[in-house]
Amino acid sequence: MKKYLISALLVVGLSTTALAQRHPPRPTPPPHPSKTQLTNSKASELDKRYRTEKKMIMNHPLATKKMKNEQLKALNLRYQNEKKLLRAAR
């Protein structure tokens, strides 16, 4: 009787370990960012893009001062509109 009990436990143990090796546990998905974290990241991306575009305009070798001023005005207007949209989304 003890032989059957031991062999049954051994078979059950081996089958569960084989099943566990075949199907590893699923990793938990990463938590979704909160709405404030999402808007903050969007705002920082917007600021970064604004700074790079402004730097490109200011360092352009062929543009005149008038052209640069016009481009900066358009950039500032677009930046302000996008900031308003971000604030409205909150």
PDB file of N, CA and C in Angstrom:
ATOM      1  N   MET A   1       0.820  -1.190   0.000  1.00  0.00           N
ATOM      2  CA  MET A   1       0.000   0.000   0.000  1.00  0.00           C
ATOM      3  C   MET A   1       0.870   1.262   0.000  1.00  0.00           C
ATOM      4  N   LYS A   2       1.960   1.219   0.787  1.00  0.00           N
ATOM      5  CA  LYS A   2       2.856   2.367   0.835  1.00  0.00           C
ATOM      6  C   LYS A   2       3.520   2.585  -0.518  1.00  0.00           C
ATOM      7  N   LYS A   3       3.826   1.497  -1.231  1.00  0.00           N
ATOM      8  CA  LYS A   3       4.460   1.626  -2.537  1.00  0.00           C
ATOM      9  C   LYS A   3       3.545   2.357  -3.510  1.00  0.00           C
ATOM     10  N   TYR A   4       2.250   2.035  -3.473  1.00  0.00           N
ATOM     11  CA  TYR A   4       1.298   2.671  -4.372  1.00  0.00           C
ATOM     12  C   TYR A   4       1.117   4.147  -4.024  1.00  0.00           C
ATOM     13  N   LEU A   5       1.076   4.451  -2.760  1.00  0.00           N
ATOM     14  CA  LEU A   5       0.929   5.835  -2.324  1.00  0.00           C
ATOM     15  C   LEU A   5       2.149   6.663  -2.731  1.00  0.00           C
ATOM     16  N   ILE A   6       3.326   6.129  -2.519  1.00  0.00           N
ATOM     17  CA  ILE A   6       4.557   6.833  -2.884  1.00  0.00           C
ATOM     18  C   ILE A   6       4.649   7.007  -4.392  1.00  0.00           C
ATOM     19  N   SER A   7       4.334   5.968  -5.145  1.00  0.00           N
ATOM     20  CA  SER A   7       4.412   6.064  -6.604  1.00  0.00           C
ATOM     21  C   SER A   7       3.344   7.033  -7.133  1.00  0.00           C
ATOM     22  N   ALA A   8       2.166   7.054  -6.524  1.00  0.00           N
ATOM     23  CA  ALA A   8       1.118   7.985  -6.952  1.00  0.00           C
ATOM     24  C   ALA A   8       1.550   9.424  -6.686  1.00  0.00           C
ATOM     25  N   LEU A   9       2.127   9.679  -5.527  1.00  0.00           N
ATOM     26  CA  LEU A   9       2.608  11.027  -5.210  1.00  0.00           C
ATOM     27  C   LEU A   9       3.744  11.442  -6.142  1.00  0.00           C
ATOM     28  N   LEU A  10       4.600  10.497  -6.452  1.00  0.00           N
ATOM     29  CA  LEU A  10       5.703  10.773  -7.361  1.00  0.00           C
ATOM     30  C   LEU A  10       5.182  11.126  -8.755  1.00  0.00           C
ATOM     31  N   VAL A  11       4.205  10.383  -9.249  1.00  0.00           N
ATOM     32  CA  VAL A  11       3.637  10.641 -10.579  1.00  0.00           C
ATOM     33  C   VAL A  11       2.932  11.998 -10.596  1.00  0.00           C
ATOM     34  N   VAL A  12       2.181  12.290  -9.549  1.00  0.00           N
ATOM     35  CA  VAL A  12       1.475  13.575  -9.488  1.00  0.00           C
ATOM     36  C   VAL A  12       2.494  14.724  -9.436  1.00  0.00           C
ATOM     37  N   GLY A  13       3.524  14.566  -8.645  1.00  0.00           N
ATOM     38  CA  GLY A  13       4.549  15.610  -8.547  1.00  0.00           C
ATOM     39  C   GLY A  13       5.263  15.841  -9.855  1.00  0.00           C
ATOM     40  N   LEU A  14       5.624  14.772 -10.531  1.00  0.00           N
ATOM     41  CA  LEU A  14       6.312  14.915 -11.809  1.00  0.00           C
ATOM     42  C   LEU A  14       5.417  15.520 -12.878  1.00  0.00           C
ATOM     43  N   SER A  15       4.145  15.159 -12.873  1.00  0.00           N
ATOM     44  CA  SER A  15       3.240  15.699 -13.891  1.00  0.00           C
ATOM     45  C   SER A  15       3.003  17.194 -13.668  1.00  0.00           C
ATOM     46  N   THR A  16       2.925  17.617 -12.405  1.00  0.00           N
ATOM     47  CA  THR A  16       2.708  19.052 -12.159  1.00  0.00           C
ATOM     48  C   THR A  16       3.948  19.856 -12.529  1.00  0.00           C
ATOM     49  N   THR A  17       5.138  19.316 -12.265  1.00  0.00           N
ATOM     50  CA  THR A  17       6.341  20.065 -12.642  1.00  0.00           C
ATOM     51  C   THR A  17       6.482  20.120 -14.157  1.00  0.00           C
ATOM     52  N   ALA A  18       6.112  19.029 -14.840  1.00  0.00           N
ATOM     53  CA  ALA A  18       6.173  19.036 -16.304  1.00  0.00           C
ATOM     54  C   ALA A  18       5.164  20.022 -16.871  1.00  0.00           C
ATOM     55  N   LEU A  19       3.985  20.099 -16.277  1.00  0.00           N
ATOM     56  CA  LEU A  19       2.962  21.035 -16.735  1.00  0.00           C
ATOM     57  C   LEU A  19       3.413  22.474 -16.475  1.00  0.00           C
ATOM     58  N   ALA A  20       4.057  22.707 -15.338  1.00  0.00           N
ATOM     59  CA  ALA A  20       4.531  24.049 -15.007  1.00  0.00           C
ATOM     60  C   ALA A  20       5.649  24.476 -15.960  1.00  0.00           C
ATOM     61  N   GLN A  21       6.456  23.532 -16.411  1.00  0.00           N
ATOM     62  CA  GLN A  21       7.524  23.882 -17.350  1.00  0.00           C
ATOM     63  C   GLN A  21       6.960  24.180 -18.732  1.00  0.00           C
ATOM     64  N   ARG A  22       5.897  23.508 -19.073  1.00  0.00           N
ATOM     65  CA  ARG A  22       5.290  23.738 -20.373  1.00  0.00           C
ATOM     66  C   ARG A  22       4.551  25.073 -20.421  1.00  0.00           C
ATOM     67  N   HIS A  23       3.888  25.428 -19.331  1.00  0.00           N
ATOM     68  CA  HIS A  23       3.110  26.661 -19.251  1.00  0.00           C
ATOM     69  C   HIS A  23       3.644  27.518 -18.110  1.00  0.00           C
ATOM     70  N   PRO A  24       4.636  28.353 -18.390  1.00  0.00           N
ATOM     71  CA  PRO A  24       5.156  29.210 -17.319  1.00  0.00           C
ATOM     72  C   PRO A  24       4.092  30.221 -16.896  1.00  0.00           C
ATOM     73  N   PRO A  25       4.150  30.708 -15.687  1.00  0.00           N
ATOM     74  CA  PRO A  25       3.143  31.672 -15.243  1.00  0.00           C
ATOM     75  C   PRO A  25       3.239  32.960 -16.049  1.00  0.00           C
ATOM     76  N   ARG A  26       2.086  33.560 -16.289  1.00  0.00           N
ATOM     77  CA  ARG A  26       2.051  34.781 -17.078  1.00  0.00           C
ATOM     78  C   ARG A  26       2.565  35.952 -16.251  1.00  0.00           C
ATOM     79  N   PRO A  27       3.394  36.774 -16.850  1.00  0.00           N
ATOM     80  CA  PRO A  27       3.844  37.954 -16.100  1.00  0.00           C
ATOM     81  C   PRO A  27       2.701  38.957 -15.982  1.00  0.00           C
ATOM     82  N   THR A  28       2.675  39.702 -14.913  1.00  0.00           N
ATOM     83  CA  THR A  28       1.628  40.699 -14.749  1.00  0.00           C
ATOM     84  C   THR A  28       1.924  41.857 -15.689  1.00  0.00           C
ATOM     85  N   PRO A  29       0.901  42.366 -16.334  1.00  0.00           N
ATOM     86  CA  PRO A  29       1.136  43.479 -17.261  1.00  0.00           C
ATOM     87  C   PRO A  29       1.563  44.719 -16.493  1.00  0.00           C
ATOM     88  N   PRO A  30       2.336  45.574 -17.120  1.00  0.00           N
ATOM     89  CA  PRO A  30       2.767  46.789 -16.419  1.00  0.00           C
ATOM     90  C   PRO A  30       1.561  47.680 -16.137  1.00  0.00           C
ATOM     91  N   PRO A  31       1.592  48.413 -15.049  1.00  0.00           N
ATOM     92  CA  PRO A  31       0.443  49.260 -14.732  1.00  0.00           C
ATOM     93  C   PRO A  31       0.315  50.403 -15.736  1.00  0.00           C
ATOM     94  N   HIS A  32      -0.919  50.761 -16.019  1.00  0.00           N
ATOM     95  CA  HIS A  32      -1.155  51.851 -16.957  1.00  0.00           C
ATOM     96  C   HIS A  32      -0.854  53.174 -16.264  1.00  0.00           C
ATOM     97  N   PRO A  33      -0.271  54.111 -16.998  1.00  0.00           N
ATOM     98  CA  PRO A  33       0.014  55.411 -16.376  1.00  0.00           C
ATOM     99  C   PRO A  33      -1.289  56.155 -16.080  1.00  0.00           C
ATOM    100  N   SER A  34      -1.280  56.937 -15.024  1.00  0.00           N
ATOM    101  CA  SER A  34      -2.473  57.709 -14.687  1.00  0.00           C
ATOM    102  C   SER A  34      -2.627  58.846 -15.693  1.00  0.00           C
ATOM    103  N   LYS A  35      -3.779  59.487 -15.647  1.00  0.00           N
ATOM    104  CA  LYS A  35      -4.054  60.552 -16.608  1.00  0.00           C
ATOM    105  C   LYS A  35      -3.090  61.724 -16.405  1.00  0.00           C
ATOM    106  N   THR A  36      -2.759  62.044 -15.163  1.00  0.00           N
ATOM    107  CA  THR A  36      -1.837  63.151 -14.914  1.00  0.00           C
ATOM    108  C   THR A  36      -0.439  62.805 -15.411  1.00  0.00           C
ATOM    109  N   GLN A  37      -0.011  61.553 -15.202  1.00  0.00           N
ATOM    110  CA  GLN A  37       1.300  61.145 -15.704  1.00  0.00           C
ATOM    111  C   GLN A  37       1.338  61.229 -17.226  1.00  0.00           C
ATOM    112  N   LEU A  38       0.251  60.838 -17.857  1.00  0.00           N
ATOM    113  CA  LEU A  38       0.172  60.880 -19.316  1.00  0.00           C
ATOM    114  C   LEU A  38       0.236  62.323 -19.826  1.00  0.00           C
ATOM    115  N   THR A  39      -0.527  63.214 -19.204  1.00  0.00           N
ATOM    116  CA  THR A  39      -0.502  64.609 -19.653  1.00  0.00           C
ATOM    117  C   THR A  39       0.847  65.252 -19.360  1.00  0.00           C
ATOM    118  N   ASN A  40       1.464  64.890 -18.230  1.00  0.00           N
ATOM    119  CA  ASN A  40       2.791  65.445 -17.928  1.00  0.00           C
ATOM    120  C   ASN A  40       3.824  64.988 -18.946  1.00  0.00           C
ATOM    121  N   SER A  41       3.760  63.724 -19.342  1.00  0.00           N
ATOM    122  CA  SER A  41       4.713  63.232 -20.336  1.00  0.00           C
ATOM    123  C   SER A  41       4.469  63.890 -21.693  1.00  0.00           C
ATOM    124  N   LYS A  42       3.195  64.085 -22.044  1.00  0.00           N
ATOM    125  CA  LYS A  42       2.884  64.773 -23.307  1.00  0.00           C
ATOM    126  C   LYS A  42       3.382  66.215 -23.265  1.00  0.00           C
ATOM    127  N   ALA A  43       3.216  66.877 -22.123  1.00  0.00           N
ATOM    128  CA  ALA A  43       3.673  68.261 -21.996  1.00  0.00           C
ATOM    129  C   ALA A  43       5.195  68.345 -22.097  1.00  0.00           C
ATOM    130  N   SER A  44       5.883  67.412 -21.478  1.00  0.00           N
ATOM    131  CA  SER A  44       7.349  67.437 -21.562  1.00  0.00           C
ATOM    132  C   SER A  44       7.818  67.153 -22.984  1.00  0.00           C
ATOM    133  N   GLU A  45       7.145  66.237 -23.688  1.00  0.00           N
ATOM    134  CA  GLU A  45       7.486  65.978 -25.090  1.00  0.00           C
ATOM    135  C   GLU A  45       7.252  67.223 -25.940  1.00  0.00           C
ATOM    136  N   LEU A  46       6.143  67.916 -25.662  1.00  0.00           N
ATOM    137  CA  LEU A  46       5.831  69.132 -26.403  1.00  0.00           C
ATOM    138  C   LEU A  46       6.884  70.206 -26.155  1.00  0.00           C
ATOM    139  N   ASP A  47       7.295  70.379 -24.901  1.00  0.00           N
ATOM    140  CA  ASP A  47       8.328  71.359 -24.575  1.00  0.00           C
ATOM    141  C   ASP A  47       9.649  71.018 -25.253  1.00  0.00           C
ATOM    142  N   LYS A  48       9.997  69.750 -25.235  1.00  0.00           N
ATOM    143  CA  LYS A  48      11.255  69.310 -25.855  1.00  0.00           C
ATOM    144  C   LYS A  48      11.235  69.575 -27.364  1.00  0.00           C
ATOM    145  N   ARG A  49      10.114  69.250 -28.000  1.00  0.00           N
ATOM    146  CA  ARG A  49       9.992  69.470 -29.436  1.00  0.00           C
ATOM    147  C   ARG A  49      10.039  70.968 -29.762  1.00  0.00           C
ATOM    148  N   TYR A  50       9.396  71.784 -28.904  1.00  0.00           N
ATOM    149  CA  TYR A  50       9.410  73.239 -29.103  1.00  0.00           C
ATOM    150  C   TYR A  50      10.833  73.783 -29.019  1.00  0.00           C
ATOM    151  N   ARG A  51      11.577  73.343 -28.018  1.00  0.00           N
ATOM    152  CA  ARG A  51      12.949  73.830 -27.849  1.00  0.00           C
ATOM    153  C   ARG A  51      13.829  73.428 -29.024  1.00  0.00           C
ATOM    154  N   THR A  52      13.684  72.194 -29.507  1.00  0.00           N
ATOM    155  CA  THR A  52      14.519  71.764 -30.637  1.00  0.00           C
ATOM    156  C   THR A  52      14.169  72.531 -31.912  1.00  0.00           C
ATOM    157  N   GLU A  53      12.863  72.744 -32.149  1.00  0.00           N
ATOM    158  CA  GLU A  53      12.470  73.485 -33.346  1.00  0.00           C
ATOM    159  C   GLU A  53      12.947  74.937 -33.263  1.00  0.00           C
ATOM    160  N   LYS A  54      12.844  75.534 -32.081  1.00  0.00           N
ATOM    161  CA  LYS A  54      13.308  76.913 -31.914  1.00  0.00           C
ATOM    162  C   LYS A  54      14.814  77.007 -32.153  1.00  0.00           C
ATOM    163  N   LYS A  55      15.548  76.029 -31.641  1.00  0.00           N
ATOM    164  CA  LYS A  55      16.998  76.014 -31.840  1.00  0.00           C
ATOM    165  C   LYS A  55      17.339  75.871 -33.324  1.00  0.00           C
ATOM    166  N   MET A  56      16.577  75.025 -34.033  1.00  0.00           N
ATOM    167  CA  MET A  56      16.819  74.852 -35.461  1.00  0.00           C
ATOM    168  C   MET A  56      16.550  76.146 -36.226  1.00  0.00           C
ATOM    169  N   ILE A  57      15.469  76.852 -35.845  1.00  0.00           N
ATOM    170  CA  ILE A  57      15.146  78.110 -36.521  1.00  0.00           C
ATOM    171  C   ILE A  57      16.236  79.147 -36.257  1.00  0.00           C
ATOM    172  N   MET A  58      16.642  79.247 -35.000  1.00  0.00           N
ATOM    173  CA  MET A  58      17.624  80.275 -34.638  1.00  0.00           C
ATOM    174  C   MET A  58      19.004  79.999 -35.253  1.00  0.00           C
ATOM    175  N   ASN A  59      19.342  78.748 -35.437  1.00  0.00           N
ATOM    176  CA  ASN A  59      20.674  78.395 -35.964  1.00  0.00           C
ATOM    177  C   ASN A  59      20.699  78.195 -37.478  1.00  0.00           C
ATOM    178  N   HIS A  60      19.585  78.507 -38.150  1.00  0.00           N
ATOM    179  CA  HIS A  60      19.547  78.308 -39.595  1.00  0.00           C
ATOM    180  C   HIS A  60      20.489  79.302 -40.276  1.00  0.00           C
ATOM    181  N   PRO A  61      21.387  78.800 -41.130  1.00  0.00           N
ATOM    182  CA  PRO A  61      22.420  79.684 -41.699  1.00  0.00           C
ATOM    183  C   PRO A  61      21.905  80.634 -42.779  1.00  0.00           C
ATOM    184  N   LEU A  62      20.846  80.285 -43.493  1.00  0.00           N
ATOM    185  CA  LEU A  62      20.425  81.092 -44.638  1.00  0.00           C
ATOM    186  C   LEU A  62      19.245  82.011 -44.345  1.00  0.00           C
ATOM    187  N   ALA A  63      18.528  81.784 -43.249  1.00  0.00           N
ATOM    188  CA  ALA A  63      17.338  82.573 -42.966  1.00  0.00           C
ATOM    189  C   ALA A  63      17.713  83.968 -42.476  1.00  0.00           C
ATOM    190  N   THR A  64      16.940  84.945 -42.928  1.00  0.00           N
ATOM    191  CA  THR A  64      17.162  86.312 -42.469  1.00  0.00           C
ATOM    192  C   THR A  64      16.457  86.513 -41.134  1.00  0.00           C
ATOM    193  N   LYS A  65      16.705  87.677 -40.498  1.00  0.00           N
ATOM    194  CA  LYS A  65      16.074  87.951 -39.207  1.00  0.00           C
ATOM    195  C   LYS A  65      14.557  87.995 -39.333  1.00  0.00           C
ATOM    196  N   LYS A  66      14.088  88.599 -40.420  1.00  0.00           N
ATOM    197  CA  LYS A  66      12.639  88.702 -40.624  1.00  0.00           C
ATOM    198  C   LYS A  66      12.012  87.319 -40.782  1.00  0.00           C
ATOM    199  N   MET A  67      12.671  86.461 -41.546  1.00  0.00           N
ATOM    200  CA  MET A  67      12.167  85.094 -41.730  1.00  0.00           C
ATOM    201  C   MET A  67      12.159  84.339 -40.404  1.00  0.00           C
ATOM    202  N   LYS A  68      13.222  84.502 -39.633  1.00  0.00           N
ATOM    203  CA  LYS A  68      13.304  83.813 -38.343  1.00  0.00           C
ATOM    204  C   LYS A  68      12.208  84.300 -37.406  1.00  0.00           C
ATOM    205  N   ASN A  69      11.964  85.631 -37.384  1.00  0.00           N
ATOM    206  CA  ASN A  69      10.916  86.176 -36.527  1.00  0.00           C
ATOM    207  C   ASN A  69       9.542  85.648 -36.916  1.00  0.00           C
ATOM    208  N   GLU A  70       9.276  85.575 -38.224  1.00  0.00           N
ATOM    209  CA  GLU A  70       7.991  85.045 -38.689  1.00  0.00           C
ATOM    210  C   GLU A  70       7.829  83.574 -38.302  1.00  0.00           C
ATOM    211  N   GLN A  71       8.888  82.804 -38.480  1.00  0.00           N
ATOM    212  CA  GLN A  71       8.825  81.385 -38.122  1.00  0.00           C
ATOM    213  C   GLN A  71       8.654  81.199 -36.620  1.00  0.00           C
ATOM    214  N   LEU A  72       9.327  82.028 -35.828  1.00  0.00           N
ATOM    215  CA  LEU A  72       9.187  81.932 -34.373  1.00  0.00           C
ATOM    216  C   LEU A  72       7.780  82.317 -33.919  1.00  0.00           C
ATOM    217  N   LYS A  73       7.185  83.323 -34.567  1.00  0.00           N
ATOM    218  CA  LYS A  73       5.802  83.700 -34.230  1.00  0.00           C
ATOM    219  C   LYS A  73       4.852  82.543 -34.516  1.00  0.00           C
ATOM    220  N   ALA A  74       5.032  81.915 -35.674  1.00  0.00           N
ATOM    221  CA  ALA A  74       4.181  80.777 -36.029  1.00  0.00           C
ATOM    222  C   ALA A  74       4.404  79.611 -35.067  1.00  0.00           C
ATOM    223  N   LEU A  75       5.655  79.383 -34.701  1.00  0.00           N
ATOM    224  CA  LEU A  75       5.965  78.305 -33.761  1.00  0.00           C
ATOM    225  C   LEU A  75       5.350  78.582 -32.394  1.00  0.00           C
ATOM    226  N   ASN A  76       5.465  79.822 -31.916  1.00  0.00           N
ATOM    227  CA  ASN A  76       4.890  80.173 -30.621  1.00  0.00           C
ATOM    228  C   ASN A  76       3.376  80.036 -30.618  1.00  0.00           C
ATOM    229  N   LEU A  77       2.744  80.440 -31.717  1.00  0.00           N
ATOM    230  CA  LEU A  77       1.294  80.309 -31.819  1.00  0.00           C
ATOM    231  C   LEU A  77       0.871  78.841 -31.787  1.00  0.00           C
ATOM    232  N   ARG A  78       1.578  78.027 -32.545  1.00  0.00           N
ATOM    233  CA  ARG A  78       1.251  76.594 -32.559  1.00  0.00           C
ATOM    234  C   ARG A  78       1.482  75.960 -31.186  1.00  0.00           C
ATOM    235  N   TYR A  79       2.574  76.367 -30.536  1.00  0.00           N
ATOM    236  CA  TYR A  79       2.894  75.855 -29.206  1.00  0.00           C
ATOM    237  C   TYR A  79       1.802  76.240 -28.200  1.00  0.00           C
ATOM    238  N   GLN A  80       1.355  77.480 -28.253  1.00  0.00           N
ATOM    239  CA  GLN A  80       0.308  77.928 -27.335  1.00  0.00           C
ATOM    240  C   GLN A  80      -0.987  77.162 -27.568  1.00  0.00           C
ATOM    241  N   ASN A  81      -1.346  76.936 -28.817  1.00  0.00           N
ATOM    242  CA  ASN A  81      -2.569  76.189 -29.121  1.00  0.00           C
ATOM    243  C   ASN A  81      -2.487  74.749 -28.612  1.00  0.00           C
ATOM    244  N   GLU A  82      -1.335  74.124 -28.793  1.00  0.00           N
ATOM    245  CA  GLU A  82      -1.185  72.749 -28.314  1.00  0.00           C
ATOM    246  C   GLU A  82      -1.203  72.687 -26.793  1.00  0.00           C
ATOM    247  N   LYS A  83      -0.637  73.690 -26.123  1.00  0.00           N
ATOM    248  CA  LYS A  83      -0.680  73.752 -24.663  1.00  0.00           C
ATOM    249  C   LYS A  83      -2.123  73.900 -24.173  1.00  0.00           C
ATOM    250  N   LYS A  84      -2.905  74.736 -24.874  1.00  0.00           N
ATOM    251  CA  LYS A  84      -4.316  74.906 -24.507  1.00  0.00           C
ATOM    252  C   LYS A  84      -5.066  73.589 -24.640  1.00  0.00           C
ATOM    253  N   LEU A  85      -4.786  72.858 -25.706  1.00  0.00           N
ATOM    254  CA  LEU A  85      -5.434  71.558 -25.894  1.00  0.00           C
ATOM    255  C   LEU A  85      -5.074  70.587 -24.782  1.00  0.00           C
ATOM    256  N   LEU A  86      -3.817  70.611 -24.365  1.00  0.00           N
ATOM    257  CA  LEU A  86      -3.393  69.732 -23.272  1.00  0.00           C
ATOM    258  C   LEU A  86      -4.098  70.107 -21.973  1.00  0.00           C
ATOM    259  N   ARG A  87      -4.194  71.412 -21.709  1.00  0.00           N
ATOM    260  CA  ARG A  87      -4.873  71.846 -20.472  1.00  0.00           C
ATOM    261  C   ARG A  87      -6.362  71.509 -20.513  1.00  0.00           C
ATOM    262  N   ALA A  88      -6.958  71.592 -21.695  1.00  0.00           N
ATOM    263  CA  ALA A  88      -8.390  71.274 -21.824  1.00  0.00           C
ATOM    264  C   ALA A  88      -8.627  69.781 -21.635  1.00  0.00           C
ATOM    265  N   ALA A  89      -7.656  68.965 -21.971  1.00  0.00           N
ATOM    266  CA  ALA A  89      -7.805  67.513 -21.833  1.00  0.00           C
ATOM    267  C   ALA A  89      -7.779  67.082 -20.373  1.00  0.00           C
ATOM    268  N   ARG A  90      -7.182  67.893 -19.508  1.00  0.00           N
ATOM    269  CA  ARG A  90      -7.138  67.561 -18.077  1.00  0.00           C
ATOM    270  C   ARG A  90      -8.517  67.656 -17.539  1.00  0.00           C
TER     271      ARG A  90
END
